[in-house]
């Protein structure tokens, strides 16, 4: 990178072995567009065409500009006047519900893991007492484990519907 003394962000780098990089980040609209940025814009344009917000000639014009865009600002300008896509909202809602279901499933497995850990600890305590007293006494962990298990099962049978 060449040092340009007339450019305010181009202060020379004095650290040996490191490339010259401007201290100030580039303004948002001038950032280079990635393939993912272009793909997102193409998807938004396709949704707008499908929903009737764009006619075919306008869609084709914007599509060509999106494919050749080099900055995020150029891509943003192509979709700035379009309404929010119902398709995109539906996809986002479906993704949110899928993520919530996955998190609930993970939490459910964790709860049963805690139950199993509690069962192990209580059974070890019961076993130590039986060995110490040389008598097979009543398996008292059945009460706390049974209540705990019933509560966990009740969550499975009557889930909390957060969306209703």
Protein backbone atom coordinates (compact mmCIF):
# COMPACT_ATOMS: atom_id res chain seq x y z
CA UNK A 1 0.00 0.00 0.00
CA UNK A 2 1.36 3.39 -0.95
CA UNK A 3 1.47 6.15 1.60
CA UNK A 4 -0.52 9.18 0.46
CA UNK A 5 0.32 12.19 2.64
CA UNK A 6 -2.71 14.12 1.27
CA UNK A 7 -5.15 11.44 2.53
CA UNK A 8 -6.23 12.05 6.18
CA UNK A 9 -6.66 8.36 7.08
CA UNK A 10 -3.32 7.32 5.60
CA UNK A 11 -0.98 7.85 8.51
CA UNK A 12 2.26 5.92 8.02
CA UNK A 13 2.65 2.69 9.95
CA UNK A 14 5.72 2.82 12.15
CA UNK A 15 5.61 -0.81 13.37
CA UNK A 16 8.16 -2.91 11.46
CA UNK A 17 6.81 -5.96 9.65
CA UNK A 18 3.13 -4.93 9.66
CA UNK A 19 1.21 -3.71 6.61
CA UNK A 20 -0.09 -0.16 6.31
CA UNK A 21 -3.76 -0.16 7.30
CA UNK A 22 -5.85 2.99 7.79
CA UNK A 23 -6.86 3.63 11.42
CA UNK A 24 -10.44 4.67 10.59
CA UNK A 25 -12.87 2.04 9.26
CA UNK A 26 -14.42 2.63 5.86
CA UNK A 27 -17.92 4.14 5.82
CA UNK A 28 -20.61 1.41 5.75
CA UNK A 29 -21.77 2.05 2.18
CA UNK A 30 -18.25 1.72 0.78
CA UNK A 31 -17.45 -1.68 2.26
CA UNK A 32 -16.76 -4.40 -0.28
CA UNK A 33 -19.74 -6.67 -0.93
CA UNK A 34 -19.30 -10.38 -0.34
CA UNK A 35 -20.94 -13.22 -2.24
CA UNK A 36 -23.27 -13.69 0.73
CA UNK A 37 -24.29 -10.00 0.52
CA UNK A 38 -25.05 -10.38 -3.19
CA UNK A 39 -26.98 -13.62 -2.61
CA UNK A 40 -29.11 -11.94 0.08
CA UNK A 41 -29.92 -9.07 -2.30
CA UNK A 42 -30.76 -11.50 -5.11
CA UNK A 43 -33.11 -13.34 -2.77
CA UNK A 44 -34.79 -10.08 -1.75
CA UNK A 45 -35.24 -9.11 -5.40
CA UNK A 46 -36.70 -12.53 -6.19
CA UNK A 47 -39.16 -12.20 -3.32
CA UNK A 48 -40.17 -8.72 -4.54
CA UNK A 49 -40.79 -10.10 -8.05
CA UNK A 50 -42.84 -13.02 -6.70
CA UNK A 51 -44.92 -10.70 -4.50
CA UNK A 52 -45.55 -8.22 -7.32
CA UNK A 53 -43.45 -5.35 -5.95
CA UNK A 54 -41.26 -5.45 -9.10
CA UNK A 55 -42.17 -6.11 -12.70
CA UNK A 56 -39.95 -8.36 -14.81
CA UNK A 57 -37.98 -5.63 -16.64
CA UNK A 58 -37.23 -3.78 -13.38
CA UNK A 59 -36.28 -7.08 -11.71
CA UNK A 60 -33.89 -7.93 -14.56
CA UNK A 61 -32.29 -4.47 -14.41
CA UNK A 62 -31.74 -4.69 -10.64
CA UNK A 63 -30.59 -8.30 -10.91
CA UNK A 64 -27.84 -7.32 -13.35
CA UNK A 65 -26.77 -4.46 -11.08
CA UNK A 66 -26.73 -6.76 -8.03
CA UNK A 67 -24.51 -9.31 -9.74
CA UNK A 68 -21.97 -6.64 -10.70
CA UNK A 69 -22.16 -4.61 -7.46
CA UNK A 70 -18.87 -4.21 -5.64
CA UNK A 71 -19.98 -2.38 -2.47
CA UNK A 72 -22.62 -2.96 0.17
CA UNK A 73 -23.97 0.53 -0.55
CA UNK A 74 -24.71 -0.42 -4.16
CA UNK A 75 -26.61 -3.50 -3.00
CA UNK A 76 -28.54 -1.59 -0.35
CA UNK A 77 -29.69 0.96 -2.95
CA UNK A 78 -31.22 -1.86 -5.02
CA UNK A 79 -33.60 -2.93 -2.25
CA UNK A 80 -34.10 0.31 -0.31
CA UNK A 81 -37.48 1.12 -1.94
CA UNK A 82 -38.92 -2.40 -1.66
CA UNK A 83 -41.44 -3.41 1.01
CA UNK A 84 -40.50 -6.00 3.61
CA UNK A 85 -40.96 -9.41 2.03
CA UNK A 86 -43.67 -11.63 3.48
CA UNK A 87 -41.61 -14.60 2.31
CA UNK A 88 -38.54 -13.36 4.18
CA UNK A 89 -40.62 -12.74 7.31
CA UNK A 90 -42.07 -16.25 7.08
CA UNK A 91 -38.57 -17.74 6.63
CA UNK A 92 -37.27 -15.77 9.60
CA UNK A 93 -40.21 -16.88 11.76
CA UNK A 94 -39.72 -20.52 10.71
CA UNK A 95 -36.00 -20.28 11.53
CA UNK A 96 -36.80 -18.72 14.92
CA UNK A 97 -39.28 -21.51 15.74
CA UNK A 98 -36.82 -24.20 14.64
CA UNK A 99 -34.08 -22.67 16.78
CA UNK A 100 -36.46 -22.45 19.77
CA UNK A 101 -37.51 -26.09 19.30
CA UNK A 102 -33.85 -27.15 19.18
CA UNK A 103 -33.09 -25.13 22.33
CA UNK A 104 -36.10 -26.66 24.11
CA UNK A 105 -34.99 -30.17 23.11
CA UNK A 106 -31.47 -29.46 24.41
CA UNK A 107 -32.88 -28.08 27.67
CA UNK A 108 -35.12 -31.15 28.02
CA UNK A 109 -32.11 -33.48 27.65
CA UNK A 110 -30.18 -31.45 30.20
CA UNK A 111 -33.04 -31.68 32.72
CA UNK A 112 -33.11 -35.47 32.43
CA UNK A 113 -29.33 -35.47 32.82
CA UNK A 114 -29.71 -33.56 36.08
CA UNK A 115 -32.37 -36.07 37.15
CA UNK A 116 -29.97 -38.93 36.34
CA UNK A 117 -27.19 -37.27 38.30
CA UNK A 118 -29.52 -36.79 41.28
CA UNK A 119 -30.61 -40.43 41.01
CA UNK A 120 -27.00 -41.57 41.05
CA UNK A 121 -26.08 -39.45 44.08
CA UNK A 122 -29.16 -40.48 46.08
CA UNK A 123 -28.69 -44.17 45.20
CA UNK A 124 -25.05 -44.05 46.30
CA UNK A 125 -26.10 -42.45 49.61
CA UNK A 126 -28.80 -45.12 50.07
CA UNK A 127 -26.30 -47.90 49.22
CA UNK A 128 -23.70 -46.58 51.67
CA UNK A 129 -26.34 -46.47 54.42
CA UNK A 130 -27.47 -50.03 53.62
CA UNK A 131 -23.89 -51.35 53.70
CA UNK A 132 -23.12 -49.44 56.90
CA UNK A 133 -26.25 -50.77 58.66
CA UNK A 134 -25.96 -54.29 57.15
CA UNK A 135 -29.62 -54.04 56.24
CA UNK A 136 -31.45 -53.52 52.95
CA UNK A 137 -33.69 -50.59 53.95
CA UNK A 138 -36.54 -48.96 52.06
CA UNK A 139 -35.30 -47.30 48.83
CA UNK A 140 -36.13 -43.75 49.94
CA UNK A 141 -34.78 -42.03 46.74
CA UNK A 142 -37.94 -43.25 45.02
CA UNK A 143 -39.86 -40.30 46.56
CA UNK A 144 -37.74 -37.33 45.44
CA UNK A 145 -36.90 -38.99 42.13
CA UNK A 146 -40.53 -39.90 41.50
CA UNK A 147 -41.74 -36.36 42.19
CA UNK A 148 -38.94 -34.84 40.11
CA UNK A 149 -39.63 -37.29 37.26
CA UNK A 150 -43.37 -36.57 37.40
CA UNK A 151 -42.69 -32.85 37.08
CA UNK A 152 -40.43 -33.46 34.06
CA UNK A 153 -43.07 -35.68 32.46
CA UNK A 154 -45.73 -33.04 33.06
CA UNK A 155 -43.65 -30.59 31.01
CA UNK A 156 -43.62 -33.12 28.17
CA UNK A 157 -47.35 -33.82 28.36
CA UNK A 158 -48.46 -30.22 28.88
CA UNK A 159 -45.81 -27.97 27.32
CA UNK A 160 -45.76 -24.25 27.91
CA UNK A 161 -46.89 -22.78 24.58
CA UNK A 162 -44.98 -19.50 24.47
CA UNK A 163 -46.44 -18.56 21.07
CA UNK A 164 -50.08 -18.63 22.16
